[in-house]
Amino acid sequence: MIALLRGGAHALRMRSMTGYGSGSAEATGHQLNIQIE
């Protein structure tokens, strides 16, 4: 585990559990804007 934390070619790709993101798309056929948070 310590070796993995030190980094290198075989280091783990870590992700935090906390985050925020948003994305949007336009439905022009229905004249609507969709936003997802």
PDB file of all heavy atoms in Angstrom:
ATOM      1  N   MET A   1       0.825  -1.205   0.000  1.00  0.00           N
ATOM      2  CA  MET A   1       0.000   0.000   0.000  1.00  0.00           C
ATOM      3  C   MET A   1       0.860   1.257   0.000  1.00  0.00           C
ATOM      4  O   MET A   1       0.598   2.215  -0.706  1.00  0.00           O
ATOM      5  CB  MET A   1      -0.918  -0.014   1.242  1.00  0.00           C
ATOM      6  CG  MET A   1      -1.900   1.157   1.293  1.00  0.00           C
ATOM      7  SD  MET A   1      -3.035   1.096  -0.115  1.00  0.00           S
ATOM      8  CE  MET A   1      -4.119   2.450   0.287  1.00  0.00           C
ATOM      9  N   ILE A   2       1.929   1.247   0.842  1.00  0.00           N
ATOM     10  CA  ILE A   2       2.826   2.401   0.893  1.00  0.00           C
ATOM     11  C   ILE A   2       3.480   2.637  -0.461  1.00  0.00           C
ATOM     12  O   ILE A   2       3.611   3.758  -0.934  1.00  0.00           O
ATOM     13  CB  ILE A   2       3.890   2.210   1.990  1.00  0.00           C
ATOM     14  CG1 ILE A   2       3.218   2.270   3.369  1.00  0.00           C
ATOM     15  CG2 ILE A   2       4.979   3.260   1.877  1.00  0.00           C
ATOM     16  CD1 ILE A   2       4.160   2.035   4.517  1.00  0.00           C
ATOM     17  N   ALA A   3       3.860   1.521  -1.117  1.00  0.00           N
ATOM     18  CA  ALA A   3       4.481   1.642  -2.438  1.00  0.00           C
ATOM     19  C   ALA A   3       3.529   2.274  -3.435  1.00  0.00           C
ATOM     20  O   ALA A   3       3.922   3.077  -4.276  1.00  0.00           O
ATOM     21  CB  ALA A   3       4.931   0.262  -2.925  1.00  0.00           C
ATOM     22  N   LEU A   4       2.250   1.923  -3.341  1.00  0.00           N
ATOM     23  CA  LEU A   4       1.261   2.484  -4.249  1.00  0.00           C
ATOM     24  C   LEU A   4       1.072   3.972  -3.989  1.00  0.00           C
ATOM     25  O   LEU A   4       0.917   4.770  -4.916  1.00  0.00           O
ATOM     26  CB  LEU A   4      -0.079   1.745  -4.083  1.00  0.00           C
ATOM     27  CG  LEU A   4      -0.113   0.314  -4.613  1.00  0.00           C
ATOM     28  CD1 LEU A   4      -1.420  -0.366  -4.204  1.00  0.00           C
ATOM     29  CD2 LEU A   4       0.039   0.278  -6.123  1.00  0.00           C
ATOM     30  N   LEU A   5       1.082   4.373  -2.702  1.00  0.00           N
ATOM     31  CA  LEU A   5       0.919   5.776  -2.362  1.00  0.00           C
ATOM     32  C   LEU A   5       2.108   6.603  -2.827  1.00  0.00           C
ATOM     33  O   LEU A   5       1.988   7.787  -3.106  1.00  0.00           O
ATOM     34  CB  LEU A   5       0.732   5.941  -0.844  1.00  0.00           C
ATOM     35  CG  LEU A   5      -0.623   5.494  -0.297  1.00  0.00           C
ATOM     36  CD1 LEU A   5      -0.598   5.540   1.225  1.00  0.00           C
ATOM     37  CD2 LEU A   5      -1.747   6.369  -0.843  1.00  0.00           C
ATOM     38  N   ARG A   6       3.279   5.979  -2.896  1.00  0.00           N
ATOM     39  CA  ARG A   6       4.466   6.715  -3.316  1.00  0.00           C
ATOM     40  C   ARG A   6       4.401   7.074  -4.796  1.00  0.00           C
ATOM     41  O   ARG A   6       5.153   7.913  -5.275  1.00  0.00           O
ATOM     42  CB  ARG A   6       5.712   5.875  -3.046  1.00  0.00           C
ATOM     43  CG  ARG A   6       6.092   5.827  -1.572  1.00  0.00           C
ATOM     44  CD  ARG A   6       7.241   4.894  -1.331  1.00  0.00           C
ATOM     45  NE  ARG A   6       7.648   4.891   0.065  1.00  0.00           N
ATOM     46  CZ  ARG A   6       8.462   4.005   0.599  1.00  0.00           C
ATOM     47  NH1 ARG A   6       8.971   3.043  -0.155  1.00  0.00           N
ATOM     48  NH2 ARG A   6       8.792   4.059   1.882  1.00  0.00           N
ATOM     49  N   GLY A   7       3.494   6.437  -5.537  1.00  0.00           N
ATOM     50  CA  GLY A   7       3.336   6.762  -6.949  1.00  0.00           C
ATOM     51  C   GLY A   7       4.119   5.828  -7.826  1.00  0.00           C
ATOM     52  O   GLY A   7       4.551   4.762  -7.425  1.00  0.00           O
ATOM     53  N   GLY A   8       4.308   6.251  -9.087  1.00  0.00           N
ATOM     54  CA  GLY A   8       5.044   5.415 -10.028  1.00  0.00           C
ATOM     55  C   GLY A   8       4.097   4.813 -11.045  1.00  0.00           C
ATOM     56  O   GLY A   8       2.908   5.106 -11.098  1.00  0.00           O
ATOM     57  N   ALA A   9       4.633   3.919 -11.862  1.00  0.00           N
ATOM     58  CA  ALA A   9       3.858   3.362 -12.971  1.00  0.00           C
ATOM     59  C   ALA A   9       2.660   2.575 -12.509  1.00  0.00           C
ATOM     60  O   ALA A   9       1.664   2.456 -13.217  1.00  0.00           O
ATOM     61  CB  ALA A   9       4.779   2.475 -13.830  1.00  0.00           C
ATOM     62  N   HIS A  10       2.757   1.988 -11.307  1.00  0.00           N
ATOM     63  CA  HIS A  10       1.669   1.130 -10.843  1.00  0.00           C
ATOM     64  C   HIS A  10       0.846   1.806  -9.737  1.00  0.00           C
ATOM     65  O   HIS A  10       0.153   1.131  -8.980  1.00  0.00           O
ATOM     66  CB  HIS A  10       2.242  -0.185 -10.319  1.00  0.00           C
ATOM     67  CG  HIS A  10       3.014  -0.944 -11.360  1.00  0.00           C
ATOM     68  ND1 HIS A  10       2.402  -1.549 -12.436  1.00  0.00           N
ATOM     69  CD2 HIS A  10       4.347  -1.160 -11.497  1.00  0.00           C
ATOM     70  CE1 HIS A  10       3.343  -2.130 -13.187  1.00  0.00           C
ATOM     71  NE2 HIS A  10       4.514  -1.898 -12.642  1.00  0.00           N
ATOM     72  N   ALA A  11       0.919   3.128  -9.640  1.00  0.00           N
ATOM     73  CA  ALA A  11       0.174   3.842  -8.605  1.00  0.00           C
ATOM     74  C   ALA A  11      -1.323   3.738  -8.869  1.00  0.00           C
ATOM     75  O   ALA A  11      -1.786   3.659 -10.011  1.00  0.00           O
ATOM     76  CB  ALA A  11       0.589   5.312  -8.576  1.00  0.00           C
ATOM     77  N   LEU A  12      -2.085   3.753  -7.803  1.00  0.00           N
ATOM     78  CA  LEU A  12      -3.530   3.684  -7.932  1.00  0.00           C
ATOM     79  C   LEU A  12      -4.085   4.980  -8.510  1.00  0.00           C
ATOM     80  O   LEU A  12      -3.588   6.067  -8.214  1.00  0.00           O
ATOM     81  CB  LEU A  12      -4.162   3.462  -6.541  1.00  0.00           C
ATOM     82  CG  LEU A  12      -3.990   2.074  -5.918  1.00  0.00           C
ATOM     83  CD1 LEU A  12      -4.535   2.096  -4.492  1.00  0.00           C
ATOM     84  CD2 LEU A  12      -4.710   1.019  -6.735  1.00  0.00           C
ATOM     85  N   ARG A  13      -5.136   4.875  -9.325  1.00  0.00           N
ATOM     86  CA  ARG A  13      -5.846   6.063  -9.794  1.00  0.00           C
ATOM     87  C   ARG A  13      -6.967   6.333  -8.798  1.00  0.00           C
ATOM     88  O   ARG A  13      -7.990   5.647  -8.790  1.00  0.00           O
ATOM     89  CB  ARG A  13      -6.420   5.831 -11.198  1.00  0.00           C
ATOM     90  CG  ARG A  13      -7.077   7.090 -11.769  1.00  0.00           C
ATOM     91  CD  ARG A  13      -7.672   6.832 -13.120  1.00  0.00           C
ATOM     92  NE  ARG A  13      -8.239   8.035 -13.676  1.00  0.00           N
ATOM     93  CZ  ARG A  13      -8.940   8.068 -14.809  1.00  0.00           C
ATOM     94  NH1 ARG A  13      -9.138   6.960 -15.490  1.00  0.00           N
ATOM     95  NH2 ARG A  13      -9.435   9.211 -15.253  1.00  0.00           N
ATOM     96  N   MET A  14      -6.759   7.307  -7.947  1.00  0.00           N
ATOM     97  CA  MET A  14      -7.682   7.566  -6.851  1.00  0.00           C
ATOM     98  C   MET A  14      -8.728   8.588  -7.251  1.00  0.00           C
ATOM     99  O   MET A  14      -8.486   9.468  -8.075  1.00  0.00           O
ATOM    100  CB  MET A  14      -6.913   8.061  -5.620  1.00  0.00           C
ATOM    101  CG  MET A  14      -5.870   7.080  -5.102  1.00  0.00           C
ATOM    102  SD  MET A  14      -4.871   7.814  -3.797  1.00  0.00           S
ATOM    103  CE  MET A  14      -6.125   8.140  -2.547  1.00  0.00           C
ATOM    104  N   ARG A  15      -9.911   8.473  -6.629  1.00  0.00           N
ATOM    105  CA  ARG A  15     -10.975   9.464  -6.811  1.00  0.00           C
ATOM    106  C   ARG A  15     -11.577   9.796  -5.458  1.00  0.00           C
ATOM    107  O   ARG A  15     -11.860   8.898  -4.670  1.00  0.00           O
ATOM    108  CB  ARG A  15     -12.084   8.925  -7.731  1.00  0.00           C
ATOM    109  CG  ARG A  15     -11.761   8.983  -9.214  1.00  0.00           C
ATOM    110  CD  ARG A  15     -12.918   8.473 -10.038  1.00  0.00           C
ATOM    111  NE  ARG A  15     -12.636   8.539 -11.459  1.00  0.00           N
ATOM    112  CZ  ARG A  15     -13.437   8.046 -12.398  1.00  0.00           C
ATOM    113  NH1 ARG A  15     -14.560   7.442 -12.045  1.00  0.00           N
ATOM    114  NH2 ARG A  15     -13.127   8.146 -13.667  1.00  0.00           N
ATOM    115  N   SER A  16     -11.747  11.068  -5.223  1.00  0.00           N
ATOM    116  CA  SER A  16     -12.405  11.487  -3.992  1.00  0.00           C
ATOM    117  C   SER A  16     -13.879  11.114  -4.076  1.00  0.00           C
ATOM    118  O   SER A  16     -14.450  10.975  -5.159  1.00  0.00           O
ATOM    119  CB  SER A  16     -12.259  12.998  -3.824  1.00  0.00           C
ATOM    120  OG  SER A  16     -13.087  13.467  -2.788  1.00  0.00           O
ATOM    121  N   MET A  17     -14.512  10.936  -2.907  1.00  0.00           N
ATOM    122  CA  MET A  17     -15.946  10.640  -2.885  1.00  0.00           C
ATOM    123  C   MET A  17     -16.782  11.905  -3.015  1.00  0.00           C
ATOM    124  O   MET A  17     -17.975  11.848  -3.288  1.00  0.00           O
ATOM    125  CB  MET A  17     -16.316   9.914  -1.581  1.00  0.00           C
ATOM    126  CG  MET A  17     -15.755   8.503  -1.491  1.00  0.00           C
ATOM    127  SD  MET A  17     -16.253   7.468  -2.884  1.00  0.00           S
ATOM    128  CE  MET A  17     -18.039   7.557  -2.757  1.00  0.00           C
ATOM    129  N   THR A  18     -16.166  13.063  -2.803  1.00  0.00           N
ATOM    130  CA  THR A  18     -16.900  14.325  -2.822  1.00  0.00           C
ATOM    131  C   THR A  18     -16.653  15.058  -4.131  1.00  0.00           C
ATOM    132  O   THR A  18     -15.511  15.198  -4.567  1.00  0.00           O
ATOM    133  CB  THR A  18     -16.462  15.215  -1.647  1.00  0.00           C
ATOM    134  OG1 THR A  18     -16.662  14.503  -0.426  1.00  0.00           O
ATOM    135  CG2 THR A  18     -17.267  16.498  -1.617  1.00  0.00           C
ATOM    136  N   GLY A  19     -17.735  15.515  -4.760  1.00  0.00           N
ATOM    137  CA  GLY A  19     -17.555  16.238  -6.016  1.00  0.00           C
ATOM    138  C   GLY A  19     -18.826  16.921  -6.482  1.00  0.00           C
ATOM    139  O   GLY A  19     -19.918  16.711  -5.937  1.00  0.00           O
ATOM    140  N   TYR A  20     -18.674  17.770  -7.503  1.00  0.00           N
ATOM    141  CA  TYR A  20     -19.806  18.470  -8.114  1.00  0.00           C
ATOM    142  C   TYR A  20     -19.530  18.581  -9.602  1.00  0.00           C
ATOM    143  O   TYR A  20     -18.396  18.820 -10.029  1.00  0.00           O
ATOM    144  CB  TYR A  20     -19.983  19.868  -7.519  1.00  0.00           C
ATOM    145  CG  TYR A  20     -20.947  20.733  -8.307  1.00  0.00           C
ATOM    146  CD1 TYR A  20     -22.318  20.639  -8.091  1.00  0.00           C
ATOM    147  CD2 TYR A  20     -20.483  21.600  -9.298  1.00  0.00           C
ATOM    148  CE1 TYR A  20     -23.207  21.401  -8.837  1.00  0.00           C
ATOM    149  CE2 TYR A  20     -21.357  22.362 -10.042  1.00  0.00           C
ATOM    150  CZ  TYR A  20     -22.719  22.264  -9.810  1.00  0.00           C
ATOM    151  OH  TYR A  20     -23.606  23.013 -10.559  1.00  0.00           O
ATOM    152  N   GLY A  21     -20.579  18.411 -10.381  1.00  0.00           N
ATOM    153  CA  GLY A  21     -20.450  18.567 -11.817  1.00  0.00           C
ATOM    154  C   GLY A  21     -21.759  18.975 -12.452  1.00  0.00           C
ATOM    155  O   GLY A  21     -22.834  18.745 -11.883  1.00  0.00           O
ATOM    156  N   SER A  22     -21.684  19.591 -13.597  1.00  0.00           N
ATOM    157  CA  SER A  22     -22.898  19.985 -14.314  1.00  0.00           C
ATOM    158  C   SER A  22     -22.692  19.808 -15.808  1.00  0.00           C
ATOM    159  O   SER A  22     -21.565  19.879 -16.310  1.00  0.00           O
ATOM    160  CB  SER A  22     -23.273  21.441 -14.000  1.00  0.00           C
ATOM    161  OG  SER A  22     -22.280  22.329 -14.487  1.00  0.00           O
ATOM    162  N   GLY A  23     -23.789  19.563 -16.494  1.00  0.00           N
ATOM    163  CA  GLY A  23     -23.762  19.422 -17.939  1.00  0.00           C
ATOM    164  C   GLY A  23     -25.088  19.883 -18.521  1.00  0.00           C
ATOM    165  O   GLY A  23     -26.096  19.903 -17.813  1.00  0.00           O
ATOM    166  N   SER A  24     -25.094  20.277 -19.765  1.00  0.00           N
ATOM    167  CA  SER A  24     -26.330  20.778 -20.365  1.00  0.00           C
ATOM    168  C   SER A  24     -26.416  20.368 -21.829  1.00  0.00           C
ATOM    169  O   SER A  24     -25.413  19.998 -22.453  1.00  0.00           O
ATOM    170  CB  SER A  24     -26.420  22.304 -20.241  1.00  0.00           C
ATOM    171  OG  SER A  24     -25.345  22.923 -20.934  1.00  0.00           O
ATOM    172  N   ALA A  25     -27.620  20.436 -22.349  1.00  0.00           N
ATOM    173  CA  ALA A  25     -27.861  20.133 -23.760  1.00  0.00           C
ATOM    174  C   ALA A  25     -29.143  20.849 -24.185  1.00  0.00           C
ATOM    175  O   ALA A  25     -30.040  21.079 -23.364  1.00  0.00           O
ATOM    176  CB  ALA A  25     -27.995  18.629 -23.985  1.00  0.00           C
ATOM    177  N   GLU A  26     -29.196  21.198 -25.455  1.00  0.00           N
ATOM    178  CA  GLU A  26     -30.377  21.878 -25.991  1.00  0.00           C
ATOM    179  C   GLU A  26     -31.209  20.917 -26.823  1.00  0.00           C
ATOM    180  O   GLU A  26     -30.680  20.234 -27.699  1.00  0.00           O
ATOM    181  CB  GLU A  26     -29.965  23.077 -26.845  1.00  0.00           C
ATOM    182  CG  GLU A  26     -29.326  24.203 -26.068  1.00  0.00           C
ATOM    183  CD  GLU A  26     -29.022  25.406 -26.942  1.00  0.00           C
ATOM    184  OE1 GLU A  26     -29.199  25.296 -28.191  1.00  0.00           O
ATOM    185  OE2 GLU A  26     -28.613  26.450 -26.399  1.00  0.00           O
ATOM    186  N   ALA A  27     -32.501  20.866 -26.501  1.00  0.00           N
ATOM    187  CA  ALA A  27     -33.445  20.087 -27.304  1.00  0.00           C
ATOM    188  C   ALA A  27     -34.165  21.079 -28.210  1.00  0.00           C
ATOM    189  O   ALA A  27     -35.255  21.573 -27.878  1.00  0.00           O
ATOM    190  CB  ALA A  27     -34.421  19.350 -26.400  1.00  0.00           C
ATOM    191  N   THR A  28     -33.537  21.397 -29.330  1.00  0.00           N
ATOM    192  CA  THR A  28     -34.058  22.460 -30.186  1.00  0.00           C
ATOM    193  C   THR A  28     -35.430  22.117 -30.757  1.00  0.00           C
ATOM    194  O   THR A  28     -36.243  23.002 -31.001  1.00  0.00           O
ATOM    195  CB  THR A  28     -33.076  22.744 -31.338  1.00  0.00           C
ATOM    196  OG1 THR A  28     -32.785  21.518 -32.023  1.00  0.00           O
ATOM    197  CG2 THR A  28     -31.771  23.313 -30.795  1.00  0.00           C
ATOM    198  N   GLY A  29     -35.687  20.813 -30.959  1.00  0.00           N
ATOM    199  CA  GLY A  29     -36.984  20.420 -31.498  1.00  0.00           C
ATOM    200  C   GLY A  29     -38.132  20.760 -30.573  1.00  0.00           C
ATOM    201  O   GLY A  29     -39.270  20.963 -31.014  1.00  0.00           O
ATOM    202  N   HIS A  30     -37.857  20.815 -29.281  1.00  0.00           N
ATOM    203  CA  HIS A  30     -38.884  21.149 -28.283  1.00  0.00           C
ATOM    204  C   HIS A  30     -38.626  22.512 -27.640  1.00  0.00           C
ATOM    205  O   HIS A  30     -39.349  22.902 -26.720  1.00  0.00           O
ATOM    206  CB  HIS A  30     -38.918  20.076 -27.192  1.00  0.00           C
ATOM    207  CG  HIS A  30     -39.361  18.730 -27.675  1.00  0.00           C
ATOM    208  ND1 HIS A  30     -40.696  18.382 -27.835  1.00  0.00           N
ATOM    209  CD2 HIS A  30     -38.646  17.640 -28.067  1.00  0.00           C
ATOM    210  CE1 HIS A  30     -40.776  17.138 -28.263  1.00  0.00           C
ATOM    211  NE2 HIS A  30     -39.554  16.663 -28.421  1.00  0.00           N
ATOM    212  N   GLN A  31     -37.600  23.214 -28.136  1.00  0.00           N
ATOM    213  CA  GLN A  31     -37.263  24.537 -27.612  1.00  0.00           C
ATOM    214  C   GLN A  31     -37.032  24.507 -26.101  1.00  0.00           C
ATOM    215  O   GLN A  31     -37.524  25.358 -25.350  1.00  0.00           O
ATOM    216  CB  GLN A  31     -38.359  25.549 -27.965  1.00  0.00           C
ATOM    217  CG  GLN A  31     -38.403  25.929 -29.436  1.00  0.00           C
ATOM    218  CD  GLN A  31     -37.108  26.633 -29.879  1.00  0.00           C
ATOM    219  OE1 GLN A  31     -36.787  27.730 -29.433  1.00  0.00           O
ATOM    220  NE2 GLN A  31     -36.356  25.962 -30.755  1.00  0.00           N
ATOM    221  N   LEU A  32     -36.273  23.497 -25.674  1.00  0.00           N
ATOM    222  CA  LEU A  32     -35.987  23.343 -24.250  1.00  0.00           C
ATOM    223  C   LEU A  32     -34.484  23.242 -24.016  1.00  0.00           C
ATOM    224  O   LEU A  32     -33.750  22.739 -24.857  1.00  0.00           O
ATOM    225  CB  LEU A  32     -36.665  22.075 -23.699  1.00  0.00           C
ATOM    226  CG  LEU A  32     -38.203  22.046 -23.681  1.00  0.00           C
ATOM    227  CD1 LEU A  32     -38.686  20.668 -23.251  1.00  0.00           C
ATOM    228  CD2 LEU A  32     -38.753  23.113 -22.750  1.00  0.00           C
ATOM    229  N   ASN A  33     -34.089  23.742 -22.866  1.00  0.00           N
ATOM    230  CA  ASN A  33     -32.713  23.581 -22.412  1.00  0.00           C
ATOM    231  C   ASN A  33     -32.709  22.638 -21.218  1.00  0.00           C
ATOM    232  O   ASN A  33     -33.497  22.802 -20.282  1.00  0.00           O
ATOM    233  CB  ASN A  33     -32.110  24.927 -22.006  1.00  0.00           C
ATOM    234  CG  ASN A  33     -30.668  24.785 -21.547  1.00  0.00           C
ATOM    235  OD1 ASN A  33     -29.769  24.507 -22.339  1.00  0.00           O
ATOM    236  ND2 ASN A  33     -30.432  24.958 -20.261  1.00  0.00           N
ATOM    237  N   ILE A  34     -31.845  21.640 -21.266  1.00  0.00           N
ATOM    238  CA  ILE A  34     -31.759  20.644 -20.186  1.00  0.00           C
ATOM    239  C   ILE A  34     -30.434  20.824 -19.461  1.00  0.00           C
ATOM    240  O   ILE A  34     -29.377  20.826 -20.094  1.00  0.00           O
ATOM    241  CB  ILE A  34     -31.864  19.213 -20.743  1.00  0.00           C
ATOM    242  CG1 ILE A  34     -33.221  19.020 -21.434  1.00  0.00           C
ATOM    243  CG2 ILE A  34     -31.677  18.185 -19.621  1.00  0.00           C
ATOM    244  CD1 ILE A  34     -33.326  17.723 -22.199  1.00  0.00           C
ATOM    245  N   GLN A  35     -30.503  20.977 -18.159  1.00  0.00           N
ATOM    246  CA  GLN A  35     -29.290  21.088 -17.345  1.00  0.00           C
ATOM    247  C   GLN A  35     -29.335  20.038 -16.248  1.00  0.00           C
ATOM    248  O   GLN A  35     -30.349  19.864 -15.583  1.00  0.00           O
ATOM    249  CB  GLN A  35     -29.164  22.474 -16.720  1.00  0.00           C
ATOM    250  CG  GLN A  35     -27.883  22.641 -15.899  1.00  0.00           C
ATOM    251  CD  GLN A  35     -27.708  24.040 -15.344  1.00  0.00           C
ATOM    252  OE1 GLN A  35     -28.574  24.890 -15.480  1.00  0.00           O
ATOM    253  NE2 GLN A  35     -26.578  24.287 -14.710  1.00  0.00           N
ATOM    254  N   ILE A  36     -28.231  19.335 -16.080  1.00  0.00           N
ATOM    255  CA  ILE A  36     -28.125  18.312 -15.031  1.00  0.00           C
ATOM    256  C   ILE A  36     -26.986  18.694 -14.102  1.00  0.00           C
ATOM    257  O   ILE A  36     -25.861  18.934 -14.550  1.00  0.00           O
ATOM    258  CB  ILE A  36     -27.887  16.914 -15.631  1.00  0.00           C
ATOM    259  CG1 ILE A  36     -29.130  16.456 -16.398  1.00  0.00           C
ATOM    260  CG2 ILE A  36     -27.548  15.909 -14.530  1.00  0.00           C
ATOM    261  CD1 ILE A  36     -29.021  15.063 -16.991  1.00  0.00           C
ATOM    262  N   GLU A  37     -27.296  18.755 -12.817  1.00  0.00           N
ATOM    263  CA  GLU A  37     -26.291  19.007 -11.788  1.00  0.00           C
ATOM    264  C   GLU A  37     -26.140  17.754 -10.939  1.00  0.00           C
ATOM    265  O   GLU A  37     -27.126  17.102 -10.609  1.00  0.00           O
ATOM    266  CB  GLU A  37     -26.696  20.198 -10.916  1.00  0.00           C
ATOM    267  CG  GLU A  37     -26.744  21.514 -11.680  1.00  0.00           C
ATOM    268  CD  GLU A  37     -27.098  22.679 -10.777  1.00  0.00           C
ATOM    269  OE1 GLU A  37     -27.488  22.434  -9.610  1.00  0.00           O
ATOM    270  OE2 GLU A  37     -26.993  23.832 -11.227  1.00  0.00           O
TER     271      GLU A  37
END
